[in-house]
C-alpha atoms as a PDB file:
ATOM      1  CA  MET A   1     -68.436  30.760  66.564  1.00  0.00           C
ATOM      2  CA  SER A   2     -68.129  30.200  62.850  1.00  0.00           C
ATOM      3  CA  ALA A   3     -64.595  31.549  62.982  1.00  0.00           C
ATOM      4  CA  LEU A   4     -63.754  28.753  65.438  1.00  0.00           C
ATOM      5  CA  LEU A   5     -65.362  26.074  63.347  1.00  0.00           C
ATOM      6  CA  SER A   6     -63.952  27.043  60.105  1.00  0.00           C
ATOM      7  CA  PRO A   7     -60.502  25.615  60.697  1.00  0.00           C
ATOM      8  CA  LEU A   8     -62.147  22.389  61.855  1.00  0.00           C
ATOM      9  CA  GLY A   9     -64.073  22.234  58.762  1.00  0.00           C
ATOM     10  CA  THR A  10     -60.919  22.657  56.794  1.00  0.00           C
ATOM     11  CA  LEU A  11     -59.218  20.048  58.522  1.00  0.00           C
ATOM     12  CA  GLY A  12     -62.068  17.655  58.219  1.00  0.00           C
ATOM     13  CA  ARG A  13     -62.389  18.190  54.460  1.00  0.00           C
ATOM     14  CA  ALA A  14     -58.596  17.499  54.112  1.00  0.00           C
ATOM     15  CA  THR A  15     -58.934  14.340  56.230  1.00  0.00           C
ATOM     16  CA  LEU A  16     -61.904  13.093  54.263  1.00  0.00           C
ATOM     17  CA  GLY A  17     -60.052  13.885  50.908  1.00  0.00           C
ATOM     18  CA  PHE A  18     -56.987  11.906  52.203  1.00  0.00           C
ATOM     19  CA  LEU A  19     -58.971   9.030  53.174  1.00  0.00           C
ATOM     20  CA  ALA A  20     -60.793   8.950  49.928  1.00  0.00           C
ATOM     21  CA  ALA A  21     -57.559   9.058  48.040  1.00  0.00           C
ATOM     22  CA  VAL A  22     -56.033   6.124  50.153  1.00  0.00           C
ATOM     23  CA  GLY A  23     -59.264   4.152  49.456  1.00  0.00           C
ATOM     24  CA  ARG A  24     -59.054   4.735  45.670  1.00  0.00           C
ATOM     25  CA  VAL A  25     -55.377   3.750  45.640  1.00  0.00           C
ATOM     26  CA  ALA A  26     -56.121   0.586  47.768  1.00  0.00           C
ATOM     27  CA  LEU A  27     -59.052  -0.432  45.464  1.00  0.00           C
ATOM     28  CA  TYR A  28     -56.878   0.191  42.385  1.00  0.00           C
ATOM     29  CA  GLY A  29     -53.996  -1.966  43.848  1.00  0.00           C
ATOM     30  CA  PHE A  30     -56.383  -4.824  44.680  1.00  0.00           C
ATOM     31  CA  ALA A  31     -57.827  -4.713  41.272  1.00  0.00           C
ATOM     32  CA  THR A  32     -54.468  -4.694  39.714  1.00  0.00           C
ATOM     33  CA  LEU A  33     -53.258  -7.739  41.748  1.00  0.00           C
ATOM     34  CA  SER A  34     -56.554  -9.671  40.941  1.00  0.00           C
ATOM     35  CA  HIS A  35     -55.896  -9.189  37.296  1.00  0.00           C
ATOM     36  CA  ILE A  36     -52.483 -10.754  37.323  1.00  0.00           C
ATOM     37  CA  PHE A  37     -53.772 -14.237  37.422  1.00  0.00           C
ATOM     38  CA  ARG A  38     -56.567 -13.780  34.978  1.00  0.00           C
ATOM     39  CA  PRO A  39     -56.277 -13.911  31.209  1.00  0.00           C
ATOM     40  CA  PRO A  40     -55.500 -12.353  28.659  1.00  0.00           C
ATOM     41  CA  PHE A  41     -51.885 -12.035  29.238  1.00  0.00           C
ATOM     42  CA  TYR A  42     -49.443  -9.749  27.455  1.00  0.00           C
ATOM     43  CA  PRO A  43     -45.921 -11.403  27.533  1.00  0.00           C
ATOM     44  CA  ARG A  44     -44.328  -8.895  25.151  1.00  0.00           C
ATOM     45  CA  GLU A  45     -45.394  -6.031  27.593  1.00  0.00           C
ATOM     46  CA  PHE A  46     -44.175  -8.109  30.511  1.00  0.00           C
ATOM     47  CA  LEU A  47     -40.835  -8.779  28.996  1.00  0.00           C
ATOM     48  CA  HIS A  48     -40.268  -5.077  28.108  1.00  0.00           C
ATOM     49  CA  ALA A  49     -41.140  -4.074  31.620  1.00  0.00           C
ATOM     50  CA  LEU A  50     -38.658  -6.741  32.937  1.00  0.00           C
ATOM     51  CA  LEU A  51     -35.993  -5.089  30.879  1.00  0.00           C
ATOM     52  CA  GLN A  52     -36.781  -1.494  31.901  1.00  0.00           C
ATOM     53  CA  ILE A  53     -37.413  -2.075  35.581  1.00  0.00           C
ATOM     54  CA  GLY A  54     -34.753  -4.887  36.207  1.00  0.00           C
ATOM     55  CA  TRP A  55     -31.774  -4.817  33.812  1.00  0.00           C
ATOM     56  CA  LEU A  56     -31.527  -1.077  33.030  1.00  0.00           C
ATOM     57  CA  SER A  57     -31.749  -0.279  36.738  1.00  0.00           C
ATOM     58  CA  LEU A  58     -28.697  -2.263  37.750  1.00  0.00           C
ATOM     59  CA  PRO A  59     -26.194   0.630  37.062  1.00  0.00           C
ATOM     60  CA  VAL A  60     -27.811   3.148  39.322  1.00  0.00           C
ATOM     61  CA  VAL A  61     -28.592   0.537  41.980  1.00  0.00           C
ATOM     62  CA  GLY A  62     -24.943  -0.800  41.933  1.00  0.00           C
ATOM     63  CA  LEU A  63     -23.320   2.662  42.127  1.00  0.00           C
ATOM     64  CA  THR A  64     -25.715   3.655  44.906  1.00  0.00           C
ATOM     65  CA  ALA A  65     -25.002   0.541  46.844  1.00  0.00           C
ATOM     66  CA  ILE A  66     -21.221   0.484  46.570  1.00  0.00           C
ATOM     67  CA  PHE A  67     -20.780   4.082  47.666  1.00  0.00           C
ATOM     68  CA  THR A  68     -23.424   3.673  50.575  1.00  0.00           C
ATOM     69  CA  GLY A  69     -21.540   0.521  51.688  1.00  0.00           C
ATOM     70  CA  GLY A  70     -18.168   2.442  51.552  1.00  0.00           C
ATOM     71  CA  ALA A  71     -19.500   5.426  53.444  1.00  0.00           C
ATOM     72  CA  LEU A  72     -21.259   3.297  56.122  1.00  0.00           C
ATOM     73  CA  ALA A  73     -17.886   1.479  56.860  1.00  0.00           C
ATOM     74  CA  LEU A  74     -16.155   4.885  57.385  1.00  0.00           C
ATOM     75  CA  GLN A  75     -19.024   6.211  59.576  1.00  0.00           C
ATOM     76  CA  ILE A  76     -19.032   3.018  61.713  1.00  0.00           C
ATOM     77  CA  TYR A  77     -15.259   2.919  62.050  1.00  0.00           C
ATOM     78  CA  ALA A  78     -15.109   6.644  63.040  1.00  0.00           C
ATOM     79  CA  GLY A  79     -17.926   6.135  65.686  1.00  0.00           C
ATOM     80  CA  GLY A  80     -16.772   2.908  67.021  1.00  0.00           C
ATOM     81  CA  ALA A  81     -13.227   4.455  67.457  1.00  0.00           C
ATOM     82  CA  ARG A  82     -14.793   6.623  70.294  1.00  0.00           C
ATOM     83  CA  PHE A  83     -15.551   3.530  72.253  1.00  0.00           C
ATOM     84  CA  ASN A  84     -12.762   1.195  71.056  1.00  0.00           C
ATOM     85  CA  ALA A  85     -15.369  -0.781  69.063  1.00  0.00           C
ATOM     86  CA  GLU A  86     -13.824  -0.576  65.605  1.00  0.00           C
ATOM     87  CA  ALA A  87     -14.000  -4.313  65.310  1.00  0.00           C
ATOM     88  CA  VAL A  88     -17.811  -4.179  64.649  1.00  0.00           C
ATOM     89  CA  VAL A  89     -17.499  -2.672  61.243  1.00  0.00           C
ATOM     90  CA  PRO A  90     -18.116  -5.892  59.356  1.00  0.00           C
ATOM     91  CA  GLN A  91     -21.204  -6.793  61.398  1.00  0.00           C
ATOM     92  CA  ILE A  92     -22.907  -3.389  61.405  1.00  0.00           C
ATOM     93  CA  VAL A  93     -22.281  -2.877  57.643  1.00  0.00           C
ATOM     94  CA  ALA A  94     -23.634  -6.213  56.978  1.00  0.00           C
ATOM     95  CA  ILE A  95     -26.856  -5.868  58.994  1.00  0.00           C
ATOM     96  CA  GLY A  96     -27.207  -2.176  58.056  1.00  0.00           C
ATOM     97  CA  MET A  97     -27.208  -3.000  54.339  1.00  0.00           C
ATOM     98  CA  VAL A  98     -29.236  -6.053  54.232  1.00  0.00           C
ATOM     99  CA  ARG A  99     -31.977  -5.117  56.802  1.00  0.00           C
ATOM    100  CA  GLU A 100     -32.411  -1.381  55.963  1.00  0.00           C
ATOM    101  CA  LEU A 101     -30.142   0.533  53.677  1.00  0.00           C
ATOM    102  CA  GLY A 102     -30.177  -2.007  50.730  1.00  0.00           C
ATOM    103  CA  PRO A 103     -33.982  -2.270  50.428  1.00  0.00           C
ATOM    104  CA  VAL A 104     -34.786   1.327  51.176  1.00  0.00           C
ATOM    105  CA  LEU A 105     -32.342   2.779  48.882  1.00  0.00           C
ATOM    106  CA  VAL A 106     -33.150   0.386  46.009  1.00  0.00           C
ATOM    107  CA  GLY A 107     -36.750   1.122  46.558  1.00  0.00           C
ATOM    108  CA  LEU A 108     -36.300   4.906  46.446  1.00  0.00           C
ATOM    109  CA  MET A 109     -33.978   4.582  43.264  1.00  0.00           C
ATOM    110  CA  ILE A 110     -36.796   2.465  41.673  1.00  0.00           C
ATOM    111  CA  ALA A 111     -39.309   5.156  42.625  1.00  0.00           C
ATOM    112  CA  ALA A 112     -37.064   7.884  41.125  1.00  0.00           C
ATOM    113  CA  ARG A 113     -36.298   6.037  38.010  1.00  0.00           C
ATOM    114  CA  VAL A 114     -39.069   3.590  37.232  1.00  0.00           C
ATOM    115  CA  THR A 115     -42.218   5.146  38.942  1.00  0.00           C
ATOM    116  CA  SER A 116     -41.550   8.575  37.221  1.00  0.00           C
ATOM    117  CA  SER A 117     -41.182   6.778  33.879  1.00  0.00           C
ATOM    118  CA  ILE A 118     -44.279   4.791  34.222  1.00  0.00           C
ATOM    119  CA  ALA A 119     -46.410   7.717  35.306  1.00  0.00           C
ATOM    120  CA  ALA A 120     -45.032   9.970  32.451  1.00  0.00           C
ATOM    121  CA  GLU A 121     -45.523   7.224  29.837  1.00  0.00           C
ATOM    122  CA  VAL A 122     -49.036   6.259  30.981  1.00  0.00           C
ATOM    123  CA  ALA A 123     -50.137   9.944  31.535  1.00  0.00           C
ATOM    124  CA  THR A 124     -48.892  10.777  28.062  1.00  0.00           C
ATOM    125  CA  MET A 125     -50.910   7.864  26.569  1.00  0.00           C
ATOM    126  CA  LYS A 126     -53.840   9.238  28.383  1.00  0.00           C
ATOM    127  CA  VAL A 127     -53.469  12.838  27.162  1.00  0.00           C
ATOM    128  CA  THR A 128     -52.993  11.599  23.537  1.00  0.00           C
ATOM    129  CA  GLU A 129     -56.123   9.391  23.928  1.00  0.00           C
ATOM    130  CA  GLN A 130     -54.215   6.087  23.414  1.00  0.00           C
ATOM    131  CA  ILE A 131     -55.845   4.551  26.410  1.00  0.00           C
ATOM    132  CA  ASP A 132     -59.104   5.414  24.900  1.00  0.00           C
ATOM    133  CA  ALA A 133     -58.097   3.491  21.752  1.00  0.00           C
ATOM    134  CA  LEU A 134     -57.136   0.578  23.874  1.00  0.00           C
ATOM    135  CA  VAL A 135     -60.662   0.521  25.077  1.00  0.00           C
ATOM    136  CA  THR A 136     -62.104   0.763  21.637  1.00  0.00           C
ATOM    137  CA  LEU A 137     -59.995  -2.265  20.623  1.00  0.00           C
ATOM    138  CA  SER A 138     -61.532  -4.254  23.540  1.00  0.00           C
ATOM    139  CA  THR A 139     -58.287  -4.243  25.508  1.00  0.00           C
ATOM    140  CA  HIS A 140     -58.460  -3.642  29.182  1.00  0.00           C
ATOM    141  CA  PRO A 141     -56.044  -0.742  30.088  1.00  0.00           C
ATOM    142  CA  MET A 142     -55.288  -2.044  33.440  1.00  0.00           C
ATOM    143  CA  LYS A 143     -54.318  -5.467  32.124  1.00  0.00           C
ATOM    144  CA  TYR A 144     -52.270  -4.089  29.203  1.00  0.00           C
ATOM    145  CA  LEU A 145     -50.542  -1.302  31.128  1.00  0.00           C
ATOM    146  CA  ALA A 146     -50.509  -1.837  34.839  1.00  0.00           C
ATOM    147  CA  VAL A 147     -50.414  -5.631  35.180  1.00  0.00           C
ATOM    148  CA  PRO A 148     -47.253  -6.306  33.338  1.00  0.00           C
ATOM    149  CA  ARG A 149     -45.388  -3.427  34.991  1.00  0.00           C
ATOM    150  CA  VAL A 150     -46.452  -4.455  38.509  1.00  0.00           C
ATOM    151  CA  LEU A 151     -45.680  -8.057  37.921  1.00  0.00           C
ATOM    152  CA  ALA A 152     -42.306  -7.217  36.485  1.00  0.00           C
ATOM    153  CA  ALA A 153     -41.598  -5.025  39.561  1.00  0.00           C
ATOM    154  CA  LEU A 154     -42.712  -7.681  41.981  1.00  0.00           C
ATOM    155  CA  ILE A 155     -40.163 -10.098  40.496  1.00  0.00           C
ATOM    156  CA  THR A 156     -37.202  -7.891  39.654  1.00  0.00           C
ATOM    157  CA  VAL A 157     -36.933  -5.416  42.508  1.00  0.00           C
ATOM    158  CA  PRO A 158     -36.249  -8.373  45.068  1.00  0.00           C
ATOM    159  CA  ILE A 159     -33.378  -9.387  42.772  1.00  0.00           C
ATOM    160  CA  LEU A 160     -32.117  -5.837  42.478  1.00  0.00           C
ATOM    161  CA  VAL A 161     -32.262  -5.585  46.351  1.00  0.00           C
ATOM    162  CA  GLY A 162     -30.152  -8.753  46.625  1.00  0.00           C
ATOM    163  CA  VAL A 163     -27.640  -7.494  44.157  1.00  0.00           C
ATOM    164  CA  GLY A 164     -27.647  -4.132  46.002  1.00  0.00           C
ATOM    165  CA  ASP A 165     -27.058  -5.924  49.344  1.00  0.00           C
ATOM    166  CA  VAL A 166     -23.985  -7.783  47.978  1.00  0.00           C
ATOM    167  CA  ILE A 167     -22.426  -4.741  46.219  1.00  0.00           C
ATOM    168  CA  GLY A 168     -22.995  -2.536  49.283  1.00  0.00           C
ATOM    169  CA  ILE A 169     -21.299  -5.070  51.577  1.00  0.00           C
ATOM    170  CA  PHE A 170     -18.522  -5.290  48.867  1.00  0.00           C
ATOM    171  CA  GLY A 171     -18.180  -1.537  49.050  1.00  0.00           C
ATOM    172  CA  GLY A 172     -17.641  -1.702  52.863  1.00  0.00           C
ATOM    173  CA  TYR A 173     -15.365  -4.620  52.505  1.00  0.00           C
ATOM    174  CA  VAL A 174     -13.023  -2.600  50.049  1.00  0.00           C
ATOM    175  CA  VAL A 175     -13.044   0.448  52.244  1.00  0.00           C
ATOM    176  CA  ALA A 176     -12.391  -1.542  55.383  1.00  0.00           C
ATOM    177  CA  THR A 177      -9.444  -3.641  53.839  1.00  0.00           C
ATOM    178  CA  GLN A 178      -7.914  -0.986  51.803  1.00  0.00           C
ATOM    179  CA  ASN A 179      -8.193   2.062  54.022  1.00  0.00           C
ATOM    180  CA  LEU A 180      -8.895   0.858  57.475  1.00  0.00           C
ATOM    181  CA  GLY A 181      -6.493  -2.120  57.913  1.00  0.00           C
ATOM    182  CA  PHE A 182      -8.996  -4.910  58.335  1.00  0.00           C
ATOM    183  CA  ASN A 183      -7.834  -8.422  57.508  1.00  0.00           C
ATOM    184  CA  PRO A 184      -9.863  -9.646  54.308  1.00  0.00           C
ATOM    185  CA  ALA A 185     -10.401 -13.204  55.520  1.00  0.00           C
ATOM    186  CA  ALA A 186     -11.555 -12.115  58.999  1.00  0.00           C
ATOM    187  CA  TYR A 187     -13.843  -9.406  57.573  1.00  0.00           C
ATOM    188  CA  LEU A 188     -15.647 -11.829  55.386  1.00  0.00           C
ATOM    189  CA  LYS A 189     -15.985 -14.531  58.080  1.00  0.00           C
ATOM    190  CA  ASN A 190     -17.471 -11.914  60.544  1.00  0.00           C
ATOM    191  CA  THR A 191     -19.862 -10.765  57.750  1.00  0.00           C
ATOM    192  CA  VAL A 192     -21.047 -14.282  56.893  1.00  0.00           C
ATOM    193  CA  ASP A 193     -21.303 -15.475  60.586  1.00  0.00           C
ATOM    194  CA  PHE A 194     -23.349 -12.366  61.696  1.00  0.00           C
ATOM    195  CA  LEU A 195     -26.065 -12.394  59.126  1.00  0.00           C
ATOM    196  CA  GLU A 196     -29.050 -14.657  59.763  1.00  0.00           C
ATOM    197  CA  PRO A 197     -31.632 -16.171  57.234  1.00  0.00           C
ATOM    198  CA  LEU A 198     -34.297 -13.780  58.555  1.00  0.00           C
ATOM    199  CA  ASP A 199     -32.151 -10.806  57.564  1.00  0.00           C
ATOM    200  CA  ILE A 200     -31.941 -11.939  53.935  1.00  0.00           C
ATOM    201  CA  VAL A 201     -35.611 -12.975  53.929  1.00  0.00           C
ATOM    202  CA  SER A 202     -36.764  -9.674  55.263  1.00  0.00           C
ATOM    203  CA  SER A 203     -34.626  -7.715  52.670  1.00  0.00           C
ATOM    204  CA  LEU A 204     -36.203  -9.782  49.848  1.00  0.00           C
ATOM    205  CA  VAL A 205     -39.750  -9.319  51.097  1.00  0.00           C
ATOM    206  CA  LYS A 206     -39.234  -5.595  51.511  1.00  0.00           C
ATOM    207  CA  GLY A 207     -37.846  -5.460  47.979  1.00  0.00           C
ATOM    208  CA  CYS A 208     -41.036  -7.289  46.665  1.00  0.00           C
ATOM    209  CA  VAL A 209     -43.269  -4.847  48.467  1.00  0.00           C
ATOM    210  CA  PHE A 210     -41.418  -1.720  47.474  1.00  0.00           C
ATOM    211  CA  GLY A 211     -41.333  -2.751  43.814  1.00  0.00           C
ATOM    212  CA  GLY A 212     -45.144  -3.209  43.871  1.00  0.00           C
ATOM    213  CA  ILE A 213     -45.615   0.106  45.483  1.00  0.00           C
ATOM    214  CA  ALA A 214     -43.413   1.720  43.035  1.00  0.00           C
ATOM    215  CA  ALA A 215     -45.140   0.271  39.906  1.00  0.00           C
ATOM    216  CA  LEU A 216     -48.619   0.711  41.321  1.00  0.00           C
ATOM    217  CA  MET A 217     -48.125   4.467  41.986  1.00  0.00           C
ATOM    218  CA  GLY A 218     -46.843   4.996  38.476  1.00  0.00           C
ATOM    219  CA  CYS A 219     -49.690   3.363  36.970  1.00  0.00           C
ATOM    220  CA  TYR A 220     -52.310   4.865  39.145  1.00  0.00           C
ATOM    221  CA  TYR A 221     -51.050   8.476  38.759  1.00  0.00           C
ATOM    222  CA  GLY A 222     -50.608   8.040  35.092  1.00  0.00           C
ATOM    223  CA  MET A 223     -54.065   6.678  34.483  1.00  0.00           C
ATOM    224  CA  ASN A 224     -55.605   9.388  36.621  1.00  0.00           C
ATOM    225  CA  SER A 225     -53.644  12.330  35.371  1.00  0.00           C
ATOM    226  CA  GLY A 226     -54.982  15.544  34.038  1.00  0.00           C
ATOM    227  CA  ARG A 227     -55.118  16.779  30.548  1.00  0.00           C
ATOM    228  CA  GLY A 228     -52.338  18.500  28.824  1.00  0.00           C
ATOM    229  CA  ALA A 229     -48.531  18.901  29.800  1.00  0.00           C
ATOM    230  CA  GLN A 230     -49.233  20.213  33.204  1.00  0.00           C
ATOM    231  CA  GLY A 231     -51.373  17.051  33.889  1.00  0.00           C
ATOM    232  CA  VAL A 232     -48.443  14.840  32.817  1.00  0.00           C
ATOM    233  CA  GLY A 233     -46.073  16.783  35.072  1.00  0.00           C
ATOM    234  CA  ARG A 234     -48.393  16.758  38.032  1.00  0.00           C
ATOM    235  CA  ALA A 235     -48.817  13.044  37.689  1.00  0.00           C
ATOM    236  CA  THR A 236     -45.152  12.369  37.435  1.00  0.00           C
ATOM    237  CA  LYS A 237     -44.436  14.500  40.494  1.00  0.00           C
ATOM    238  CA  GLY A 238     -47.206  13.052  42.492  1.00  0.00           C
ATOM    239  CA  SER A 239     -46.398   9.414  41.780  1.00  0.00           C
ATOM    240  CA  VAL A 240     -42.791   9.780  42.964  1.00  0.00           C
ATOM    241  CA  GLU A 241     -43.846  11.613  46.078  1.00  0.00           C
ATOM    242  CA  ALA A 242     -46.383   9.061  46.914  1.00  0.00           C
ATOM    243  CA  ALA A 243     -44.098   6.093  46.072  1.00  0.00           C
ATOM    244  CA  ALA A 244     -41.344   7.543  48.244  1.00  0.00           C
ATOM    245  CA  VAL A 245     -43.475   8.050  51.249  1.00  0.00           C
ATOM    246  CA  LEU A 246     -45.370   4.734  50.863  1.00  0.00           C
ATOM    247  CA  ILE A 247     -42.028   2.940  50.661  1.00  0.00           C
ATOM    248  CA  LEU A 248     -40.648   4.511  53.903  1.00  0.00           C
ATOM    249  CA  ALA A 249     -43.877   3.800  55.635  1.00  0.00           C
ATOM    250  CA  ALA A 250     -43.887   0.273  54.478  1.00  0.00           C
ATOM    251  CA  ASN A 251     -40.251  -0.174  55.646  1.00  0.00           C
ATOM    252  CA  PHE A 252     -41.243   0.915  58.971  1.00  0.00           C
ATOM    253  CA  LEU A 253     -44.199  -1.437  59.320  1.00  0.00           C
ATOM    254  CA  LEU A 254     -42.109  -4.410  57.805  1.00  0.00           C
ATOM    255  CA  THR A 255     -39.301  -3.766  60.169  1.00  0.00           C
ATOM    256  CA  GLY A 256     -41.794  -4.001  63.089  1.00  0.00           C
ATOM    257  CA  VAL A 257     -43.201  -7.247  61.840  1.00  0.00           C
ATOM    258  CA  PHE A 258     -39.863  -8.931  61.304  1.00  0.00           C
ATOM    259  CA  PHE A 259     -37.823  -7.632  64.143  1.00  0.00           C
ATOM    260  CA  SER A 260     -40.214  -6.576  66.774  1.00  0.00           C
ATOM    261  CA  VAL A 261     -38.930  -7.569  70.241  1.00  0.00           C
END
């Protein structure tokens, strides 16, 4: 009998541990968001986070988007040729980039670049006892470290998503007009006519949510890292994994909210 119950016990412990972790992350997120509107504020840290998360992420976002848009145009043209539907390339590239690929790819790039950086930085501060020094100086670590980064991500990632959407559509436009024989004016007209305001709104909202998730995971794992170099490494790896999974899960939920039939 005990041999049969042992796997159930293991499963139960794993489930309880997972739910406890979800609860801790949720409480940390609510606490961070609540501190955004309460003084004191740290504008220098906020501006530094804007630069790191927003401006310095533009190159990787732009390169990812333009190659994705070009590849998407080629794939849609090849698939549409089987059904004599090559003309749908502009419409599908536009809706694919704006609704899904743009926000998700930017979110994952931010998770890879920004979440890992935040987690490593904050975890190193914990290991070297700099966070303890902040407490000694009567500075709230969450307000000094987490709030500026989360607020900067909430503001800049939707902008990055918008830029990525435009660059991705441009990549599809270049491939379609230069390699696939599409008329430039007709391509742009089909793109503009097909997109709706809800598509753009959903893309920007997803960017805001994904940015918040990426920054929160970096701060949470950094502040809860273990000691030593191994603790920093585990925190960095765990933050990126958690951010990527949560971004994909949030994308599924938001897509259902915006486009459920």
